[in-house]
Amino acid sequence: MSLKNLVETAVQMLVEEPDAVTVEESDDRGTKVFEVRVAPPDVGRVIGKEGRVITCVRQLVGAAGAKEQTRAVVKVITDD
C-alpha cells in the first residue's frame, strides 16, 4: 500500500462523507506532503479534540514513511 492510499483510507474511515475525501501528493525537498481535503462538516472529525486525531494520523503516516526511508507530512486543507 502506498503512503497516499494509507492517508486516504485512514481519513475515509474517520469521516461521514468518505466520497468527499481527496488527497494530493507533492514533493517538497525530499519530503512527501499529503494535502487532505474533506467536506466542511467533517473537518472537525479529522482534526479531533485538541488535534489528537490528526496527530495520530500523522504519526501513522510518519512511521510508514520511515519504513520506506522517506519523510511524510499530512496537512488538512480547509476552504475558509
N, C-alpha and C. Protein backbone atom coordinates (compact mmCIF):
# COMPACT_ATOMS: atom_id res chain seq x y z
N MET A 1 0.85 -1.18 0.00
CA MET A 1 0.00 0.00 0.00
C MET A 1 0.89 1.24 0.00
N SER A 2 0.59 2.17 -0.90
CA SER A 2 1.37 3.40 -0.97
C SER A 2 0.97 4.33 0.18
N LEU A 3 1.82 5.29 0.45
CA LEU A 3 1.53 6.25 1.53
C LEU A 3 0.26 7.05 1.22
N LYS A 4 0.06 7.40 -0.04
CA LYS A 4 -1.13 8.16 -0.42
C LYS A 4 -2.38 7.34 -0.12
N ASN A 5 -2.37 6.07 -0.46
CA ASN A 5 -3.53 5.21 -0.18
C ASN A 5 -3.75 5.06 1.32
N LEU A 6 -2.66 5.00 2.08
CA LEU A 6 -2.77 4.89 3.53
C LEU A 6 -3.46 6.12 4.11
N VAL A 7 -3.04 7.31 3.67
CA VAL A 7 -3.64 8.56 4.14
C VAL A 7 -5.12 8.60 3.77
N GLU A 8 -5.41 8.29 2.52
CA GLU A 8 -6.79 8.35 2.04
C GLU A 8 -7.68 7.36 2.80
N THR A 9 -7.23 6.15 2.99
CA THR A 9 -8.02 5.15 3.70
C THR A 9 -8.24 5.54 5.15
N ALA A 10 -7.19 6.02 5.82
CA ALA A 10 -7.31 6.41 7.23
C ALA A 10 -8.32 7.54 7.40
N VAL A 11 -8.27 8.54 6.53
CA VAL A 11 -9.18 9.68 6.64
C VAL A 11 -10.60 9.27 6.27
N GLN A 12 -10.76 8.43 5.27
CA GLN A 12 -12.10 7.98 4.88
C GLN A 12 -12.80 7.24 6.01
N MET A 13 -12.04 6.54 6.83
CA MET A 13 -12.63 5.81 7.95
C MET A 13 -13.13 6.75 9.05
N LEU A 14 -12.66 7.98 9.05
CA LEU A 14 -13.00 8.93 10.11
C LEU A 14 -14.21 9.80 9.80
N VAL A 15 -14.52 9.97 8.53
CA VAL A 15 -15.50 10.98 8.14
C VAL A 15 -16.87 10.39 7.82
N GLU A 16 -17.87 11.27 7.78
CA GLU A 16 -19.24 10.88 7.42
C GLU A 16 -19.40 10.76 5.90
N GLU A 17 -18.64 11.56 5.15
CA GLU A 17 -18.73 11.56 3.68
C GLU A 17 -17.39 11.11 3.08
N PRO A 18 -17.14 9.81 3.02
CA PRO A 18 -15.85 9.33 2.52
C PRO A 18 -15.61 9.63 1.04
N ASP A 19 -16.68 9.82 0.28
CA ASP A 19 -16.51 10.12 -1.15
C ASP A 19 -15.96 11.53 -1.37
N ALA A 20 -16.07 12.40 -0.37
CA ALA A 20 -15.61 13.78 -0.50
C ALA A 20 -14.12 13.93 -0.17
N VAL A 21 -13.49 12.86 0.28
CA VAL A 21 -12.08 12.93 0.67
C VAL A 21 -11.19 12.94 -0.57
N THR A 22 -10.30 13.93 -0.65
CA THR A 22 -9.30 13.96 -1.70
C THR A 22 -7.94 14.16 -1.07
N VAL A 23 -6.95 13.46 -1.61
CA VAL A 23 -5.59 13.56 -1.11
C VAL A 23 -4.68 13.90 -2.29
N GLU A 24 -3.94 15.00 -2.16
CA GLU A 24 -2.99 15.39 -3.19
C GLU A 24 -1.58 15.21 -2.64
N GLU A 25 -0.74 14.56 -3.42
CA GLU A 25 0.63 14.29 -3.00
C GLU A 25 1.58 15.22 -3.75
N SER A 26 2.50 15.82 -3.03
CA SER A 26 3.53 16.64 -3.66
C SER A 26 4.86 16.35 -2.97
N ASP A 27 5.93 16.81 -3.59
CA ASP A 27 7.26 16.57 -3.05
C ASP A 27 7.91 17.91 -2.76
N ASP A 28 8.35 18.10 -1.53
CA ASP A 28 8.97 19.37 -1.13
C ASP A 28 10.33 19.06 -0.51
N ARG A 29 11.38 19.21 -1.29
CA ARG A 29 12.76 18.98 -0.83
C ARG A 29 12.94 17.61 -0.17
N GLY A 30 12.47 16.58 -0.82
CA GLY A 30 12.64 15.22 -0.31
C GLY A 30 11.59 14.77 0.68
N THR A 31 10.64 15.62 0.99
CA THR A 31 9.56 15.28 1.91
C THR A 31 8.27 15.12 1.13
N LYS A 32 7.57 14.03 1.36
CA LYS A 32 6.27 13.84 0.72
C LYS A 32 5.22 14.58 1.54
N VAL A 33 4.49 15.48 0.88
CA VAL A 33 3.46 16.27 1.54
C VAL A 33 2.11 15.81 1.02
N PHE A 34 1.23 15.42 1.94
CA PHE A 34 -0.11 14.98 1.58
C PHE A 34 -1.11 16.02 2.05
N GLU A 35 -1.79 16.65 1.10
CA GLU A 35 -2.81 17.66 1.43
C GLU A 35 -4.17 16.99 1.37
N VAL A 36 -4.86 16.97 2.50
CA VAL A 36 -6.14 16.29 2.62
C VAL A 36 -7.26 17.32 2.63
N ARG A 37 -8.26 17.08 1.78
CA ARG A 37 -9.46 17.92 1.77
C ARG A 37 -10.66 17.03 2.05
N VAL A 38 -11.53 17.50 2.94
CA VAL A 38 -12.74 16.76 3.29
C VAL A 38 -13.92 17.72 3.22
N ALA A 39 -15.13 17.18 3.32
CA ALA A 39 -16.33 18.02 3.35
C ALA A 39 -16.26 18.92 4.59
N PRO A 40 -16.75 20.16 4.49
CA PRO A 40 -16.68 21.10 5.61
C PRO A 40 -17.18 20.56 6.96
N PRO A 41 -18.29 19.79 7.01
CA PRO A 41 -18.71 19.28 8.32
C PRO A 41 -17.76 18.24 8.92
N ASP A 42 -16.90 17.65 8.09
CA ASP A 42 -16.01 16.59 8.56
C ASP A 42 -14.65 17.08 9.02
N VAL A 43 -14.36 18.36 8.84
CA VAL A 43 -13.05 18.88 9.22
C VAL A 43 -12.78 18.65 10.70
N GLY A 44 -13.77 18.92 11.53
CA GLY A 44 -13.60 18.72 12.97
C GLY A 44 -13.35 17.27 13.34
N ARG A 45 -13.95 16.35 12.62
CA ARG A 45 -13.74 14.93 12.88
C ARG A 45 -12.30 14.52 12.57
N VAL A 46 -11.76 15.08 11.49
CA VAL A 46 -10.40 14.73 11.09
C VAL A 46 -9.38 15.34 12.04
N ILE A 47 -9.61 16.57 12.46
CA ILE A 47 -8.67 17.23 13.36
C ILE A 47 -8.79 16.67 14.77
N GLY A 48 -10.01 16.49 15.24
CA GLY A 48 -10.24 15.92 16.56
C GLY A 48 -10.08 16.94 17.67
N LYS A 49 -10.44 16.51 18.84
CA LYS A 49 -10.36 17.38 20.01
C LYS A 49 -8.89 17.65 20.33
N GLU A 50 -8.54 18.93 20.36
CA GLU A 50 -7.17 19.38 20.60
C GLU A 50 -6.18 18.80 19.61
N GLY A 51 -6.66 18.42 18.41
CA GLY A 51 -5.78 17.92 17.36
C GLY A 51 -5.30 16.50 17.56
N ARG A 52 -5.95 15.76 18.41
CA ARG A 52 -5.49 14.41 18.72
C ARG A 52 -5.61 13.44 17.55
N VAL A 53 -6.70 13.53 16.80
CA VAL A 53 -6.93 12.58 15.70
C VAL A 53 -5.91 12.81 14.59
N ILE A 54 -5.72 14.05 14.17
CA ILE A 54 -4.77 14.33 13.09
C ILE A 54 -3.35 14.02 13.54
N THR A 55 -3.07 14.18 14.81
CA THR A 55 -1.75 13.82 15.33
C THR A 55 -1.51 12.32 15.17
N CYS A 56 -2.52 11.52 15.45
CA CYS A 56 -2.40 10.07 15.29
C CYS A 56 -2.22 9.69 13.83
N VAL A 57 -2.97 10.33 12.94
CA VAL A 57 -2.83 10.06 11.51
C VAL A 57 -1.42 10.43 11.05
N ARG A 58 -0.91 11.56 11.52
CA ARG A 58 0.44 11.99 11.15
C ARG A 58 1.49 11.01 11.66
N GLN A 59 1.31 10.50 12.88
CA GLN A 59 2.26 9.52 13.42
C GLN A 59 2.23 8.23 12.61
N LEU A 60 1.05 7.79 12.23
CA LEU A 60 0.89 6.58 11.43
C LEU A 60 1.59 6.73 10.08
N VAL A 61 1.35 7.84 9.42
CA VAL A 61 1.95 8.08 8.11
C VAL A 61 3.46 8.30 8.24
N GLY A 62 3.87 8.97 9.29
CA GLY A 62 5.30 9.19 9.52
C GLY A 62 6.04 7.87 9.74
N ALA A 63 5.43 6.96 10.48
CA ALA A 63 6.05 5.66 10.72
C ALA A 63 6.12 4.84 9.43
N ALA A 64 5.06 4.88 8.65
CA ALA A 64 5.06 4.16 7.37
C ALA A 64 6.08 4.78 6.42
N GLY A 65 6.22 6.09 6.45
CA GLY A 65 7.22 6.75 5.62
C GLY A 65 8.63 6.41 6.06
N ALA A 66 8.86 6.32 7.35
CA ALA A 66 10.17 5.96 7.86
C ALA A 66 10.56 4.55 7.41
N LYS A 67 9.58 3.68 7.34
CA LYS A 67 9.84 2.33 6.87
C LYS A 67 10.31 2.34 5.41
N GLU A 68 9.80 3.29 4.63
CA GLU A 68 10.21 3.46 3.23
C GLU A 68 11.38 4.43 3.10
N GLN A 69 11.93 4.85 4.22
CA GLN A 69 13.06 5.78 4.28
C GLN A 69 12.76 7.12 3.61
N THR A 70 11.57 7.64 3.90
CA THR A 70 11.19 8.96 3.40
C THR A 70 10.41 9.69 4.48
N ARG A 71 10.48 11.00 4.46
CA ARG A 71 9.73 11.81 5.42
C ARG A 71 8.37 12.13 4.82
N ALA A 72 7.33 12.02 5.64
CA ALA A 72 5.97 12.27 5.15
C ALA A 72 5.24 13.21 6.10
N VAL A 73 4.51 14.17 5.53
CA VAL A 73 3.78 15.17 6.29
C VAL A 73 2.33 15.18 5.79
N VAL A 74 1.39 15.28 6.73
CA VAL A 74 -0.03 15.35 6.38
C VAL A 74 -0.56 16.72 6.79
N LYS A 75 -1.23 17.39 5.83
CA LYS A 75 -1.83 18.69 6.10
C LYS A 75 -3.32 18.61 5.77
N VAL A 76 -4.14 19.19 6.64
CA VAL A 76 -5.57 19.27 6.38
C VAL A 76 -5.84 20.66 5.82
N ILE A 77 -6.39 20.70 4.62
CA ILE A 77 -6.68 21.96 3.95
C ILE A 77 -8.15 22.30 4.17
N THR A 78 -8.40 23.48 4.74
CA THR A 78 -9.77 23.92 4.95
C THR A 78 -10.07 25.05 3.98
N ASP A 79 -11.24 25.03 3.41
CA ASP A 79 -11.66 26.07 2.49
C ASP A 79 -12.48 27.09 3.25
N ASP A 80 -11.79 28.08 3.81
CA ASP A 80 -12.46 29.11 4.62
C ASP A 80 -13.08 30.15 3.76
